[in-house]
Amino acid sequence: MINPPDHAALARERPSTRPSRTDGAHDARQARPHPDPSGARRSPPHPAPSWQRYGPGRPPGDCLPRAGCGSTVVLRDGSAVLIRQVQATDAPLLADIFARLSATSRWMRFLAAKNHLTEAELRYLTDLDHNNHEALAALDQGGRGVGVARYIRLAHDPQAAEIAIAVVDDWHRRGLGTQLLTQLSVRARRTGIHRLTALTATNNTAMTGLLHTLGASLLHVGPGTEEYQISLTLR
């Protein structure tokens, strides 16, 4: 379970790293159409929906391949979702996800009764360096958030990070949690993280089942909680 730490301490501990815009420019050059040698005129391609191209709140041309764009995945029931990095402007999106969680889901996520996210918490949850603190959001085809997963590197063990996940109740049992944590694991490996830990309620069978699917092992059992670890292998 991740609780927001002191913001001043966090600012001292983590470096500021921002995604590069050079990859986006290279992709744009590679995507330019070549002339048809036959001289025939072609109809312009049908544009993809905005949620697939750059996500809500991001104008065209301001989409970074490793930041705002993300990737589209199809879940077990055939639903398509966009999974992308959480951005600084995503406070309303995260607040909406939280508002649509049931009281039970909120308890499972925070291991405490929680009615709302404060402005300070929303700032913390969206103020990411995408290295020591990373988060991925899942958006439905209308651009509305349906889930979020994050890791935070441990200050005392830079090769380990704690993870947390929340999925809107209507989207449970579709495989969304697996997709979010799988992509989060890939990003964690790229930043030098070798182990992910998760603290979950003992009766959170959905989360423990998901962790076992990803190869997690039980580390510790506490009063009403269990701590798991996922070892990340280099690929």
Protein backbone atom coordinates (compact mmCIF):
# COMPACT_ATOMS: atom_id res chain seq x y z
CA MET A 1 0.00 0.00 0.00
CA ILE A 2 1.38 3.39 -0.94
CA ASN A 3 0.68 6.44 1.21
CA PRO A 4 1.80 9.88 -0.06
CA PRO A 5 5.04 10.87 1.79
CA ASP A 6 6.21 14.29 2.74
CA HIS A 7 6.33 16.36 -0.49
CA ALA A 8 9.46 18.32 0.50
CA ALA A 9 11.35 15.11 1.26
CA LEU A 10 10.25 13.58 -2.03
CA ALA A 11 11.49 16.62 -3.96
CA ARG A 12 14.93 16.25 -2.33
CA GLU A 13 15.18 12.52 -2.98
CA ARG A 14 14.17 12.07 -6.60
CA PRO A 15 15.80 13.46 -9.69
CA SER A 16 13.81 15.23 -12.35
CA THR A 17 13.69 13.20 -15.54
CA ARG A 18 11.43 14.05 -18.43
CA PRO A 19 10.69 12.05 -21.59
CA SER A 20 12.57 13.17 -24.69
CA ARG A 21 10.70 14.71 -27.60
CA THR A 22 13.24 13.48 -30.18
CA ASP A 23 11.62 10.07 -30.61
CA GLY A 24 8.31 11.74 -31.44
CA ALA A 25 9.94 13.84 -34.15
CA HIS A 26 11.65 10.77 -35.63
CA ASP A 27 8.37 8.82 -35.68
CA ALA A 28 6.64 11.76 -37.40
CA ARG A 29 9.27 11.77 -40.17
CA GLN A 30 8.97 8.01 -40.64
CA ALA A 31 5.20 8.29 -40.89
CA ARG A 32 5.15 10.78 -43.78
CA PRO A 33 3.42 9.31 -46.84
CA HIS A 34 5.42 8.66 -50.03
CA PRO A 35 4.06 9.70 -53.43
CA ASP A 36 2.17 7.07 -55.39
CA PRO A 37 4.28 6.31 -58.53
CA SER A 38 1.10 5.69 -60.51
CA GLY A 39 0.06 9.31 -60.02
CA ALA A 40 -3.38 8.22 -58.76
CA ARG A 41 -4.95 10.35 -56.05
CA ARG A 42 -5.73 8.61 -52.81
CA SER A 43 -8.53 9.37 -50.40
CA PRO A 44 -7.26 10.71 -47.09
CA PRO A 45 -7.16 8.03 -44.36
CA HIS A 46 -9.95 8.03 -41.81
CA PRO A 47 -8.51 9.63 -38.67
CA ALA A 48 -8.27 7.51 -35.54
CA PRO A 49 -10.37 8.55 -32.52
CA SER A 50 -8.67 11.19 -30.39
CA TRP A 51 -8.38 8.84 -27.41
CA GLN A 52 -6.19 6.54 -29.52
CA ARG A 53 -4.09 9.36 -30.97
CA TYR A 54 -3.22 11.41 -27.93
CA GLY A 55 -5.67 10.91 -25.06
CA PRO A 56 -8.01 13.48 -23.52
CA GLY A 57 -6.62 16.88 -22.69
CA ARG A 58 -3.61 16.65 -25.04
CA PRO A 59 -3.69 18.57 -28.35
CA PRO A 60 -2.54 16.99 -31.62
CA GLY A 61 1.22 17.27 -32.12
CA ASP A 62 1.87 17.26 -28.36
CA CYS A 63 1.86 13.48 -27.99
CA LEU A 64 5.09 11.81 -26.89
CA PRO A 65 5.36 8.10 -27.80
CA ARG A 66 6.65 7.17 -24.35
CA ALA A 67 4.48 9.62 -22.42
CA GLY A 68 1.00 10.63 -23.56
CA CYS A 69 0.21 8.22 -26.38
CA GLY A 70 0.58 4.81 -24.76
CA SER A 71 -0.75 1.66 -26.39
CA THR A 72 -4.15 0.15 -27.09
CA VAL A 73 -4.88 -3.31 -25.69
CA VAL A 74 -7.88 -5.59 -26.06
CA LEU A 75 -9.17 -7.22 -22.88
CA ARG A 76 -10.66 -10.68 -22.41
CA ASP A 77 -14.20 -9.47 -23.11
CA GLY A 78 -13.16 -7.67 -26.30
CA SER A 79 -13.10 -4.19 -24.75
CA ALA A 80 -10.33 -1.91 -26.03
CA VAL A 81 -8.53 0.42 -23.63
CA LEU A 82 -5.67 2.88 -23.99
CA ILE A 83 -2.90 2.49 -21.41
CA ARG A 84 -0.62 5.52 -21.08
CA GLN A 85 1.51 7.33 -18.54
CA VAL A 86 -0.25 9.57 -16.05
CA GLN A 87 0.48 13.24 -16.78
CA ALA A 88 0.54 16.35 -14.62
CA THR A 89 -2.86 17.43 -16.02
CA ASP A 90 -4.57 14.14 -15.05
CA ALA A 91 -5.84 15.15 -11.59
CA PRO A 92 -9.47 15.24 -12.82
CA LEU A 93 -9.05 11.84 -14.45
CA LEU A 94 -7.71 10.25 -11.24
CA ALA A 95 -10.38 11.96 -9.14
CA ASP A 96 -13.05 10.50 -11.44
CA ILE A 97 -11.57 7.00 -11.16
CA PHE A 98 -11.57 7.30 -7.37
CA ALA A 99 -15.15 8.58 -7.30
CA ARG A 100 -16.33 5.48 -9.18
CA LEU A 101 -14.64 3.00 -6.85
CA SER A 102 -16.92 1.26 -4.39
CA ALA A 103 -16.25 1.65 -0.66
CA THR A 104 -14.83 -1.88 -0.66
CA SER A 105 -12.48 -1.13 -3.57
CA ARG A 106 -11.28 2.04 -1.84
CA TRP A 107 -10.56 0.05 1.31
CA MET A 108 -8.66 -2.58 -0.67
CA ARG A 109 -6.59 0.15 -2.37
CA PHE A 110 -5.79 2.31 0.66
CA LEU A 111 -6.25 -0.25 3.49
CA ALA A 112 -8.40 2.35 5.23
CA ALA A 113 -11.76 4.05 4.84
CA LYS A 114 -11.36 6.95 2.45
CA ASN A 115 -14.07 9.20 1.03
CA HIS A 116 -12.10 11.51 -1.24
CA LEU A 117 -8.67 12.50 -2.50
CA THR A 118 -7.38 15.85 -1.32
CA GLU A 119 -5.82 18.39 -3.70
CA ALA A 120 -2.43 17.66 -2.14
CA GLU A 121 -2.86 13.93 -2.75
CA LEU A 122 -3.90 14.51 -6.36
CA ARG A 123 -0.84 16.70 -6.91
CA TYR A 124 1.38 13.97 -5.48
CA LEU A 125 -0.30 11.26 -7.58
CA THR A 126 0.24 13.24 -10.80
CA ASP A 127 3.62 14.88 -10.07
CA LEU A 128 5.73 12.07 -11.54
CA ASP A 129 9.32 11.86 -12.77
CA HIS A 130 8.53 8.57 -14.63
CA ASN A 131 11.66 7.06 -13.09
CA ASN A 132 11.43 6.87 -9.31
CA HIS A 133 7.66 7.40 -9.42
CA GLU A 134 5.65 6.06 -12.35
CA ALA A 135 1.93 5.59 -12.96
CA LEU A 136 -0.12 4.22 -15.85
CA ALA A 137 -3.77 5.03 -16.49
CA ALA A 138 -6.25 2.99 -18.53
CA LEU A 139 -8.85 4.91 -20.58
CA ASP A 140 -11.96 3.51 -22.23
CA GLN A 141 -12.96 4.38 -25.80
CA GLY A 142 -14.70 7.52 -24.57
CA GLY A 143 -11.50 8.75 -22.92
CA ARG A 144 -12.71 8.11 -19.38
CA GLY A 145 -10.32 6.59 -16.85
CA VAL A 146 -11.09 3.03 -15.75
CA GLY A 147 -7.95 2.08 -13.83
CA VAL A 148 -4.53 3.18 -12.65
CA ALA A 149 -1.39 1.39 -11.48
CA ARG A 150 1.80 2.90 -10.06
CA TYR A 151 5.17 2.12 -8.57
CA ILE A 152 7.36 4.15 -6.23
CA ARG A 153 11.03 3.27 -5.88
CA LEU A 154 12.07 2.51 -2.31
CA ALA A 155 14.52 5.11 -0.97
CA HIS A 156 16.46 2.52 1.06
CA ASP A 157 16.57 -0.01 -1.81
CA PRO A 158 16.79 1.62 -5.28
CA GLN A 159 16.40 -1.75 -7.01
CA ALA A 160 12.95 -2.27 -5.46
CA ALA A 161 9.64 -0.42 -5.73
CA GLU A 162 6.22 -0.66 -4.14
CA ILE A 163 3.19 -1.00 -6.42
CA ALA A 164 -0.51 -0.23 -6.08
CA ILE A 165 -3.46 -0.61 -8.44
CA ALA A 166 -7.09 0.47 -8.60
CA VAL A 167 -9.66 -0.57 -11.22
CA VAL A 168 -13.19 0.82 -11.45
CA ASP A 169 -15.62 -1.86 -10.22
CA ASP A 170 -17.46 -2.14 -13.54
CA TRP A 171 -14.15 -3.17 -15.13
CA HIS A 172 -13.24 -5.95 -12.72
CA ARG A 173 -12.62 -9.48 -14.04
CA ARG A 174 -11.79 -8.34 -17.58
CA GLY A 175 -8.01 -8.68 -17.32
CA LEU A 176 -7.34 -4.95 -17.01
CA GLY A 177 -5.30 -5.33 -13.82
CA THR A 178 -3.01 -7.85 -15.53
CA GLN A 179 -2.46 -5.50 -18.47
CA LEU A 180 -1.68 -2.54 -16.22
CA LEU A 181 0.78 -4.40 -14.00
CA THR A 182 2.45 -6.12 -16.94
CA GLN A 183 3.18 -2.79 -18.65
CA LEU A 184 4.21 -1.23 -15.33
CA SER A 185 6.68 -4.08 -14.78
CA VAL A 186 8.27 -3.45 -18.18
CA ARG A 187 8.77 0.23 -17.36
CA ALA A 188 10.16 -0.63 -13.92
CA ARG A 189 12.77 -2.97 -15.44
CA ARG A 190 13.91 -0.22 -17.82
CA THR A 191 14.68 2.05 -14.85
CA GLY A 192 16.78 -0.54 -13.03
CA ILE A 193 14.12 -1.91 -10.69
CA HIS A 194 14.53 -5.65 -10.05
CA ARG A 195 11.79 -6.29 -7.50
CA LEU A 196 8.22 -5.07 -6.99
CA THR A 197 6.49 -5.34 -3.63
CA ALA A 198 2.79 -5.09 -2.88
CA LEU A 199 0.97 -4.81 0.43
CA THR A 200 -2.60 -6.05 0.20
CA ALA A 201 -5.47 -6.96 2.50
CA THR A 202 -5.62 -10.65 3.41
CA ASN A 203 -9.16 -10.92 2.05
CA ASN A 204 -8.34 -9.19 -1.24
CA THR A 205 -8.57 -12.40 -3.27
CA ALA A 206 -8.67 -10.57 -6.59
CA MET A 207 -5.34 -8.83 -5.94
CA THR A 208 -3.62 -11.89 -4.50
CA GLY A 209 -4.80 -13.93 -7.49
CA LEU A 210 -3.41 -11.30 -9.86
CA LEU A 211 -0.08 -11.22 -8.01
CA HIS A 212 0.21 -15.00 -8.17
CA THR A 213 -0.49 -14.85 -11.92
CA LEU A 214 2.51 -12.54 -12.26
CA GLY A 215 4.72 -14.91 -10.28
CA ALA A 216 4.65 -13.13 -6.92
CA SER A 217 5.87 -14.85 -3.76
CA LEU A 218 4.59 -14.21 -0.24
CA LEU A 219 7.10 -12.28 1.89
CA HIS A 220 5.29 -11.43 5.09
CA VAL A 221 1.92 -11.84 6.80
CA GLY A 222 0.78 -9.12 9.17
CA PRO A 223 -2.46 -8.28 11.00
CA GLY A 224 -5.00 -8.38 8.17
CA THR A 225 -2.35 -7.83 5.48
CA GLU A 226 0.00 -9.80 3.25
CA GLU A 227 3.14 -8.53 1.51
CA TYR A 228 4.19 -10.02 -1.83
CA GLN A 229 7.24 -9.64 -4.05
CA ILE A 230 7.57 -9.96 -7.82
CA SER A 231 11.07 -10.58 -9.17
CA LEU A 232 11.65 -8.87 -12.51
CA THR A 233 13.89 -10.70 -14.97
CA LEU A 234 15.75 -8.84 -17.67
CA ARG A 235 14.39 -9.32 -21.19
